[in-house]
Amino acid sequence: QVQLVESGGGLVQPGGSLRPSCAASGTRFRIYALGWYRQAPGKQRELVAHISSASTTTYVDSVKGRFTISRDNAKNTVYLQMNSLKPEDTAVYYCNGVGSPPPWAWGQGTQVTVSS
């Protein structure tokens, strides 16, 4: 059974940076495309960045140029470097595989709050 544990969120001022991480256990991590999702209050969860098994990356327009997804297969961990944060980036951030629906049960997520 795959377990996902997100960490590294927090409260940051507009323009600041955070680097959440997600550790996965119970799967052959390296063979999967992985994604970072977010869910803001009152909104549906959305996929904001994903990385293929070959480390090709894709971003939604709203985070392009500000967020960078990366993976460390040796540590079974995926990261999301978030720079130039905006209040509209406030959400709970989750990782999962890429699919419809995503392949694994959701973790608890990590809260990111951007506010002055």
N, C-alpha and C. Protein backbone atom coordinates (compact mmCIF):
# COMPACT_ATOMS: atom_id res chain seq x y z
N GLN A 1 0.85 -1.18 0.00
CA GLN A 1 0.00 0.00 0.00
C GLN A 1 0.89 1.24 0.00
N VAL A 2 0.59 2.16 -0.92
CA VAL A 2 1.41 3.36 -1.04
C VAL A 2 1.00 4.37 0.02
N GLN A 3 1.99 4.95 0.67
CA GLN A 3 1.75 6.03 1.62
C GLN A 3 2.50 7.27 1.15
N LEU A 4 1.81 8.39 1.18
CA LEU A 4 2.36 9.68 0.78
C LEU A 4 2.37 10.61 1.98
N VAL A 5 3.51 11.23 2.26
CA VAL A 5 3.62 12.13 3.39
C VAL A 5 4.21 13.45 2.91
N GLU A 6 3.38 14.49 2.92
CA GLU A 6 3.82 15.82 2.50
C GLU A 6 4.27 16.64 3.71
N SER A 7 5.24 17.51 3.48
CA SER A 7 5.72 18.40 4.53
C SER A 7 6.35 19.62 3.88
N GLY A 8 6.64 20.63 4.71
CA GLY A 8 7.38 21.78 4.22
C GLY A 8 6.55 22.99 3.85
N GLY A 9 5.25 22.95 4.10
CA GLY A 9 4.44 24.13 3.89
C GLY A 9 4.66 25.14 5.00
N GLY A 10 3.85 26.19 4.98
CA GLY A 10 3.97 27.20 6.03
C GLY A 10 3.32 28.51 5.64
N LEU A 11 3.59 29.51 6.46
CA LEU A 11 3.09 30.87 6.22
C LEU A 11 4.24 31.72 5.68
N VAL A 12 4.00 32.39 4.58
CA VAL A 12 5.04 33.20 3.96
C VAL A 12 4.41 34.47 3.40
N GLN A 13 5.19 35.52 3.34
CA GLN A 13 4.71 36.78 2.78
C GLN A 13 4.71 36.71 1.25
N PRO A 14 3.89 37.51 0.61
CA PRO A 14 3.94 37.58 -0.86
C PRO A 14 5.35 37.86 -1.35
N GLY A 15 5.75 37.14 -2.39
CA GLY A 15 7.10 37.25 -2.92
C GLY A 15 8.08 36.27 -2.30
N GLY A 16 7.66 35.58 -1.26
CA GLY A 16 8.54 34.64 -0.59
C GLY A 16 8.61 33.28 -1.28
N SER A 17 9.34 32.36 -0.63
CA SER A 17 9.57 31.04 -1.20
C SER A 17 9.32 29.94 -0.16
N LEU A 18 8.93 28.79 -0.66
CA LEU A 18 8.80 27.57 0.14
C LEU A 18 9.21 26.39 -0.73
N ARG A 19 9.56 25.29 -0.08
CA ARG A 19 9.93 24.08 -0.81
C ARG A 19 9.30 22.86 -0.14
N PRO A 20 8.02 22.61 -0.41
CA PRO A 20 7.40 21.39 0.13
C PRO A 20 8.07 20.14 -0.45
N SER A 21 7.99 19.06 0.31
CA SER A 21 8.47 17.78 -0.16
C SER A 21 7.43 16.70 0.12
N CYS A 22 7.54 15.59 -0.59
CA CYS A 22 6.59 14.48 -0.44
C CYS A 22 7.38 13.19 -0.51
N ALA A 23 7.31 12.42 0.55
CA ALA A 23 7.98 11.12 0.62
C ALA A 23 6.96 10.02 0.38
N ALA A 24 7.32 9.08 -0.48
CA ALA A 24 6.43 7.97 -0.83
C ALA A 24 7.04 6.65 -0.37
N SER A 25 6.20 5.77 0.09
CA SER A 25 6.65 4.43 0.46
C SER A 25 5.70 3.40 -0.13
N GLY A 26 6.22 2.19 -0.34
CA GLY A 26 5.36 1.11 -0.79
C GLY A 26 5.14 1.04 -2.28
N THR A 27 6.00 1.66 -3.06
CA THR A 27 5.84 1.62 -4.51
C THR A 27 7.18 1.71 -5.20
N ARG A 28 7.20 1.27 -6.45
CA ARG A 28 8.40 1.46 -7.27
C ARG A 28 8.36 2.89 -7.81
N PHE A 29 8.76 3.77 -6.97
CA PHE A 29 8.63 5.21 -7.17
C PHE A 29 9.16 5.65 -8.53
N ARG A 30 10.29 5.14 -8.92
CA ARG A 30 10.98 5.69 -10.07
C ARG A 30 10.24 5.48 -11.39
N ILE A 31 9.31 4.56 -11.46
CA ILE A 31 8.66 4.27 -12.74
C ILE A 31 7.44 5.15 -13.00
N TYR A 32 7.05 5.94 -11.99
CA TYR A 32 5.80 6.69 -12.11
C TYR A 32 6.03 8.17 -12.43
N ALA A 33 5.11 8.74 -13.21
CA ALA A 33 5.00 10.19 -13.29
C ALA A 33 4.36 10.68 -12.00
N LEU A 34 4.87 11.77 -11.47
CA LEU A 34 4.42 12.29 -10.17
C LEU A 34 3.93 13.72 -10.33
N GLY A 35 2.98 14.09 -9.50
CA GLY A 35 2.44 15.43 -9.60
C GLY A 35 2.24 16.09 -8.26
N TRP A 36 2.27 17.42 -8.28
CA TRP A 36 1.84 18.23 -7.15
C TRP A 36 0.48 18.83 -7.49
N TYR A 37 -0.44 18.66 -6.57
CA TYR A 37 -1.79 19.17 -6.69
C TYR A 37 -2.02 20.19 -5.58
N ARG A 38 -3.03 21.04 -5.76
CA ARG A 38 -3.40 21.93 -4.67
C ARG A 38 -4.90 22.11 -4.64
N GLN A 39 -5.39 22.38 -3.45
CA GLN A 39 -6.83 22.63 -3.27
C GLN A 39 -7.00 23.84 -2.37
N ALA A 40 -7.55 24.89 -2.95
CA ALA A 40 -7.86 26.11 -2.20
C ALA A 40 -9.27 25.98 -1.63
N PRO A 41 -9.57 26.74 -0.57
CA PRO A 41 -10.91 26.68 0.03
C PRO A 41 -12.00 26.94 -1.00
N GLY A 42 -12.98 26.05 -1.05
CA GLY A 42 -14.11 26.23 -1.95
C GLY A 42 -13.83 25.90 -3.40
N LYS A 43 -12.65 25.37 -3.68
CA LYS A 43 -12.28 25.06 -5.07
C LYS A 43 -11.93 23.58 -5.20
N GLN A 44 -11.97 23.11 -6.44
CA GLN A 44 -11.57 21.73 -6.71
C GLN A 44 -10.06 21.59 -6.67
N ARG A 45 -9.62 20.40 -6.37
CA ARG A 45 -8.19 20.12 -6.40
C ARG A 45 -7.69 20.17 -7.85
N GLU A 46 -6.54 20.79 -8.05
CA GLU A 46 -5.99 20.92 -9.40
C GLU A 46 -4.54 20.45 -9.42
N LEU A 47 -4.16 19.90 -10.56
CA LEU A 47 -2.78 19.50 -10.78
C LEU A 47 -2.00 20.72 -11.25
N VAL A 48 -0.96 21.11 -10.53
CA VAL A 48 -0.23 22.32 -10.90
C VAL A 48 1.13 22.03 -11.54
N ALA A 49 1.70 20.87 -11.26
CA ALA A 49 3.00 20.53 -11.85
C ALA A 49 3.15 19.01 -11.85
N HIS A 50 3.78 18.48 -12.88
CA HIS A 50 4.09 17.05 -12.86
C HIS A 50 5.42 16.79 -13.53
N ILE A 51 5.98 15.64 -13.17
CA ILE A 51 7.30 15.26 -13.65
C ILE A 51 7.24 13.79 -14.07
N SER A 52 7.73 13.51 -15.26
CA SER A 52 7.69 12.15 -15.77
C SER A 52 8.79 11.30 -15.14
N SER A 53 8.77 10.02 -15.43
CA SER A 53 9.82 9.13 -14.95
C SER A 53 11.18 9.52 -15.53
N ALA A 54 11.17 10.22 -16.68
CA ALA A 54 12.40 10.69 -17.30
C ALA A 54 12.72 12.13 -16.89
N SER A 55 11.96 12.65 -15.91
CA SER A 55 12.17 14.00 -15.36
C SER A 55 11.79 15.12 -16.31
N THR A 56 10.93 14.85 -17.27
CA THR A 56 10.33 15.93 -18.05
C THR A 56 9.25 16.60 -17.20
N THR A 57 9.25 17.94 -17.19
CA THR A 57 8.34 18.67 -16.31
C THR A 57 7.30 19.46 -17.09
N THR A 58 6.13 19.62 -16.47
CA THR A 58 5.02 20.38 -17.06
C THR A 58 4.34 21.17 -15.95
N TYR A 59 3.91 22.39 -16.29
CA TYR A 59 3.29 23.27 -15.30
C TYR A 59 2.03 23.91 -15.86
N VAL A 60 1.09 24.22 -14.97
CA VAL A 60 -0.03 25.04 -15.41
C VAL A 60 0.46 26.48 -15.56
N ASP A 61 -0.26 27.25 -16.36
CA ASP A 61 0.20 28.61 -16.67
C ASP A 61 0.35 29.48 -15.43
N SER A 62 -0.51 29.26 -14.44
CA SER A 62 -0.52 30.15 -13.27
C SER A 62 0.75 30.01 -12.42
N VAL A 63 1.51 28.94 -12.57
CA VAL A 63 2.72 28.76 -11.76
C VAL A 63 3.98 28.70 -12.62
N LYS A 64 3.82 28.72 -13.93
CA LYS A 64 4.96 28.60 -14.83
C LYS A 64 5.95 29.74 -14.59
N GLY A 65 7.22 29.39 -14.48
CA GLY A 65 8.25 30.38 -14.24
C GLY A 65 8.48 30.69 -12.76
N ARG A 66 7.58 30.21 -11.90
CA ARG A 66 7.71 30.45 -10.45
C ARG A 66 7.94 29.17 -9.67
N PHE A 67 7.35 28.07 -10.12
CA PHE A 67 7.44 26.78 -9.42
C PHE A 67 8.35 25.83 -10.21
N THR A 68 9.07 25.00 -9.49
CA THR A 68 9.90 23.97 -10.11
C THR A 68 9.70 22.65 -9.39
N ILE A 69 9.29 21.63 -10.13
CA ILE A 69 9.12 20.30 -9.56
C ILE A 69 10.38 19.49 -9.84
N SER A 70 10.78 18.68 -8.87
CA SER A 70 11.94 17.82 -9.05
C SER A 70 11.72 16.53 -8.26
N ARG A 71 12.52 15.53 -8.54
CA ARG A 71 12.38 14.25 -7.87
C ARG A 71 13.75 13.69 -7.53
N ASP A 72 13.80 12.92 -6.44
CA ASP A 72 14.99 12.18 -6.03
C ASP A 72 14.56 10.74 -5.86
N ASN A 73 14.80 9.93 -6.87
CA ASN A 73 14.32 8.54 -6.83
C ASN A 73 15.01 7.73 -5.74
N ALA A 74 16.24 8.07 -5.42
CA ALA A 74 16.96 7.34 -4.37
C ALA A 74 16.29 7.54 -3.01
N LYS A 75 15.64 8.70 -2.84
CA LYS A 75 14.97 9.00 -1.57
C LYS A 75 13.45 8.83 -1.66
N ASN A 76 12.96 8.40 -2.82
CA ASN A 76 11.51 8.27 -3.01
C ASN A 76 10.79 9.57 -2.65
N THR A 77 11.33 10.68 -3.09
CA THR A 77 10.82 12.00 -2.69
C THR A 77 10.66 12.89 -3.91
N VAL A 78 9.59 13.67 -3.90
CA VAL A 78 9.37 14.68 -4.93
C VAL A 78 9.24 16.03 -4.23
N TYR A 79 9.77 17.07 -4.87
CA TYR A 79 9.83 18.41 -4.29
C TYR A 79 9.09 19.40 -5.17
N LEU A 80 8.70 20.52 -4.56
CA LEU A 80 8.14 21.62 -5.32
C LEU A 80 8.75 22.92 -4.80
N GLN A 81 9.69 23.46 -5.54
CA GLN A 81 10.27 24.74 -5.20
C GLN A 81 9.32 25.83 -5.67
N MET A 82 8.84 26.64 -4.73
CA MET A 82 7.86 27.68 -5.04
C MET A 82 8.48 29.03 -4.73
N ASN A 83 8.66 29.84 -5.75
CA ASN A 83 9.21 31.18 -5.62
C ASN A 83 8.17 32.23 -6.00
N SER A 84 8.43 33.46 -5.63
CA SER A 84 7.54 34.58 -5.98
C SER A 84 6.09 34.24 -5.65
N LEU A 85 5.89 33.75 -4.45
CA LEU A 85 4.55 33.31 -4.07
C LEU A 85 3.55 34.46 -4.01
N LYS A 86 2.31 34.13 -4.37
CA LYS A 86 1.21 35.10 -4.41
C LYS A 86 0.10 34.63 -3.47
N PRO A 87 -0.73 35.57 -3.01
CA PRO A 87 -1.85 35.14 -2.14
C PRO A 87 -2.73 34.06 -2.79
N GLU A 88 -2.86 34.10 -4.09
CA GLU A 88 -3.70 33.10 -4.77
C GLU A 88 -3.05 31.71 -4.81
N ASP A 89 -1.81 31.59 -4.35
CA ASP A 89 -1.19 30.27 -4.22
C ASP A 89 -1.58 29.58 -2.91
N THR A 90 -2.29 30.30 -2.05
CA THR A 90 -2.72 29.72 -0.78
C THR A 90 -3.62 28.52 -1.01
N ALA A 91 -3.24 27.38 -0.43
CA ALA A 91 -3.96 26.13 -0.65
C ALA A 91 -3.30 25.03 0.19
N VAL A 92 -3.97 23.89 0.25
CA VAL A 92 -3.32 22.68 0.74
C VAL A 92 -2.70 21.98 -0.46
N TYR A 93 -1.43 21.64 -0.33
CA TYR A 93 -0.68 21.03 -1.42
C TYR A 93 -0.50 19.54 -1.15
N TYR A 94 -0.74 18.75 -2.20
CA TYR A 94 -0.66 17.29 -2.12
C TYR A 94 0.20 16.77 -3.26
N CYS A 95 0.80 15.61 -3.05
CA CYS A 95 1.44 14.92 -4.17
C CYS A 95 0.68 13.62 -4.44
N ASN A 96 0.84 13.10 -5.64
CA ASN A 96 0.26 11.83 -6.03
C ASN A 96 0.85 11.45 -7.37
N GLY A 97 0.54 10.27 -7.84
CA GLY A 97 0.87 9.94 -9.21
C GLY A 97 -0.03 10.73 -10.14
N VAL A 98 0.26 10.63 -11.43
CA VAL A 98 -0.52 11.35 -12.43
C VAL A 98 -1.48 10.37 -13.08
N GLY A 99 -2.75 10.71 -13.09
CA GLY A 99 -3.76 9.84 -13.68
C GLY A 99 -5.13 10.40 -13.36
N SER A 100 -6.15 9.83 -13.98
CA SER A 100 -7.51 10.26 -13.74
C SER A 100 -8.38 9.05 -13.45
N PRO A 101 -8.59 8.74 -12.17
CA PRO A 101 -8.09 9.48 -11.02
C PRO A 101 -6.64 9.15 -10.71
N PRO A 102 -6.00 9.92 -9.85
CA PRO A 102 -4.64 9.59 -9.44
C PRO A 102 -4.60 8.22 -8.79
N PRO A 103 -3.46 7.53 -8.89
CA PRO A 103 -3.44 6.11 -8.54
C PRO A 103 -3.47 5.75 -7.07
N TRP A 104 -3.11 6.68 -6.19
CA TRP A 104 -2.94 6.31 -4.79
C TRP A 104 -3.84 7.12 -3.88
N ALA A 105 -4.01 6.64 -2.65
CA ALA A 105 -4.77 7.39 -1.66
C ALA A 105 -4.04 8.69 -1.33
N TRP A 106 -4.79 9.74 -1.07
CA TRP A 106 -4.20 11.03 -0.77
C TRP A 106 -3.56 11.03 0.62
N GLY A 107 -2.46 11.76 0.75
CA GLY A 107 -1.87 12.01 2.05
C GLY A 107 -2.62 13.14 2.74
N GLN A 108 -2.02 13.63 3.83
CA GLN A 108 -2.69 14.69 4.61
C GLN A 108 -2.49 16.07 4.00
N GLY A 109 -1.54 16.18 3.07
CA GLY A 109 -1.25 17.46 2.46
C GLY A 109 -0.44 18.36 3.38
N THR A 110 0.01 19.48 2.81
CA THR A 110 0.73 20.48 3.59
C THR A 110 0.17 21.85 3.25
N GLN A 111 -0.15 22.62 4.28
CA GLN A 111 -0.81 23.92 4.09
C GLN A 111 0.22 24.97 3.68
N VAL A 112 -0.08 25.69 2.63
CA VAL A 112 0.71 26.85 2.22
C VAL A 112 -0.18 28.08 2.29
N THR A 113 0.24 29.06 3.07
CA THR A 113 -0.52 30.29 3.22
C THR A 113 0.38 31.46 2.85
N VAL A 114 -0.07 32.25 1.89
CA VAL A 114 0.69 33.42 1.45
C VAL A 114 -0.10 34.66 1.85
N SER A 115 0.45 35.38 2.80
CA SER A 115 -0.27 36.52 3.35
C SER A 115 0.71 37.48 4.00
N SER A 116 0.37 38.78 3.93
CA SER A 116 1.19 39.77 4.60
C SER A 116 0.63 40.07 5.99
